[in-house]
Protein backbone atom coordinates (compact mmCIF):
# COMPACT_ATOMS: atom_id res chain seq x y z
CA MET A 1 -147.02 61.69 38.70
CA LYS A 2 -148.75 59.03 40.75
CA ALA A 3 -148.25 55.31 39.95
CA GLN A 4 -151.28 53.51 38.56
CA LYS A 5 -153.00 51.19 41.04
CA LEU A 6 -153.00 47.43 40.45
CA GLN A 7 -156.38 46.09 39.33
CA ILE A 8 -157.08 42.43 40.19
CA ASN A 9 -159.03 41.17 37.18
CA GLU A 10 -159.01 38.52 34.45
CA ASP A 11 -156.34 40.48 32.50
CA LEU A 12 -153.71 39.25 35.02
CA ILE A 13 -154.24 35.58 34.16
CA GLY A 14 -151.24 34.34 32.19
CA LYS A 15 -148.91 37.09 33.43
CA TYR A 16 -145.86 36.40 35.58
CA ILE A 17 -144.68 37.74 38.91
CA ASN A 18 -140.95 38.41 39.08
CA ARG A 19 -139.02 39.60 42.13
CA CYS A 20 -136.63 42.42 41.24
CA LEU A 21 -133.93 43.19 43.80
CA TYR A 22 -131.57 45.95 42.77
CA THR A 23 -130.13 44.70 39.45
CA ASP A 24 -131.09 41.03 39.92
CA SER A 25 -134.43 39.43 39.12
CA MET A 26 -135.92 35.99 39.65
CA PRO A 27 -139.26 34.40 38.80
CA VAL A 28 -141.91 33.90 41.49
CA GLY A 29 -144.73 32.36 39.48
CA LYS A 30 -147.41 32.53 36.83
CA ILE A 31 -150.87 33.88 37.65
CA VAL A 32 -153.29 31.10 36.74
CA GLY A 33 -156.47 32.34 38.38
CA ILE A 34 -158.25 35.06 40.32
CA LYS A 35 -160.03 34.50 43.64
CA GLY A 36 -162.16 37.37 44.84
CA LYS A 37 -161.06 41.00 44.67
CA THR A 38 -157.56 40.72 46.13
CA LYS A 39 -156.30 37.16 45.70
CA VAL A 40 -154.57 35.41 42.82
CA LEU A 41 -153.66 31.76 42.25
CA ILE A 42 -149.96 31.36 41.47
CA GLN A 43 -148.20 28.45 39.77
CA PRO A 44 -144.55 28.55 40.98
CA VAL A 45 -141.93 29.04 38.26
CA ILE A 46 -138.25 28.14 38.61
CA ALA A 47 -135.36 29.00 36.33
CA SER A 48 -132.86 26.44 35.08
CA ALA A 49 -129.13 26.93 35.42
CA ASN A 50 -127.71 29.65 33.19
CA LYS A 51 -127.14 28.17 29.70
CA THR A 52 -124.48 30.79 28.82
CA LYS A 53 -120.85 30.37 29.83
CA MET A 54 -119.99 33.63 31.55
CA GLU A 55 -116.68 35.27 30.56
CA ILE A 56 -114.95 36.98 33.49
CA ILE A 57 -111.83 39.09 32.88
CA PRO A 58 -109.64 40.89 35.45
CA GLY A 59 -110.97 44.30 36.44
CA GLY A 60 -113.46 45.97 38.73
CA PHE A 61 -113.87 44.68 42.28
CA ALA A 62 -113.34 40.97 41.62
CA GLY A 63 -113.58 40.76 37.84
CA HIS A 64 -115.66 42.03 34.95
CA CYS A 65 -118.18 39.85 33.13
CA VAL A 66 -118.03 40.88 29.47
CA ASN A 67 -121.17 38.95 28.43
CA ASN A 68 -123.34 39.77 31.46
CA ARG A 69 -126.41 40.57 29.31
CA HIS A 70 -126.30 37.27 27.38
CA GLN A 71 -127.70 35.08 30.16
CA ARG A 72 -130.28 32.50 29.02
CA TYR A 73 -132.55 30.34 31.16
CA ASP A 74 -135.33 27.80 30.71
CA PHE A 75 -138.36 28.39 32.91
CA ILE A 76 -140.30 25.49 34.41
CA GLU A 77 -143.72 25.69 36.06
CA THR A 78 -143.51 23.41 39.07
CA GLY A 79 -145.12 22.67 42.40
CA GLU A 80 -148.64 23.15 43.62
CA VAL A 81 -150.72 26.22 42.86
CA TYR A 82 -151.03 28.48 45.89
CA GLU A 83 -153.17 31.45 46.81
CA GLU A 84 -151.60 34.87 47.45
CA ARG A 85 -153.08 38.24 48.33
CA LEU A 86 -151.79 40.73 45.76
CA SER A 87 -151.78 44.42 46.65
CA ASN A 88 -149.91 47.57 45.69
CA THR A 89 -148.17 47.44 49.08
CA LYS A 90 -147.01 43.86 48.52
CA LEU A 91 -145.70 44.76 45.07
CA LYS A 92 -143.75 47.65 46.58
CA ASN A 93 -142.46 45.98 49.78
CA TYR A 94 -141.58 42.61 48.23
CA SER A 95 -140.23 44.16 45.02
CA TRP A 96 -142.64 42.07 42.96
CA ARG A 97 -143.41 43.08 39.38
CA VAL A 98 -146.27 41.78 37.23
CA GLN A 99 -144.80 41.21 33.76
CA ASP A 100 -145.61 39.42 30.51
CA ALA A 101 -142.78 36.85 30.80
CA PRO A 102 -140.72 35.21 33.54
CA SER A 103 -137.38 36.90 34.20
CA LYS A 104 -134.07 35.73 35.66
CA PHE A 105 -130.95 37.88 35.73
CA HIS A 106 -127.89 37.79 37.98
CA ASP A 107 -125.59 40.80 37.84
CA TYR A 108 -122.10 39.31 37.78
CA ASN A 109 -120.61 42.82 37.71
CA PHE A 110 -121.97 43.90 41.08
């Protein structure tokens, strides 16, 4: 089954771009506008420090984090809006994902 192609249109405004690398993810920015057929305006988004105290116990390679899935972050829109060409190739090669909310996750068990 072939993946559906990205459509640059008004429906993307308000969505977030997150970079997903293996099991980790981090926010890139919020789409705040569309410019032409291939460009979007992005408001950078940063994540705060993890608000959850991670519990590491002996085990695995260097330790095992028993509450790995309980990470919590605040997300802050910061910096100047910038223009970015958004394409299916960029989404694939840069591991970007267009999602409804910003995402931050660090896999402590890797």
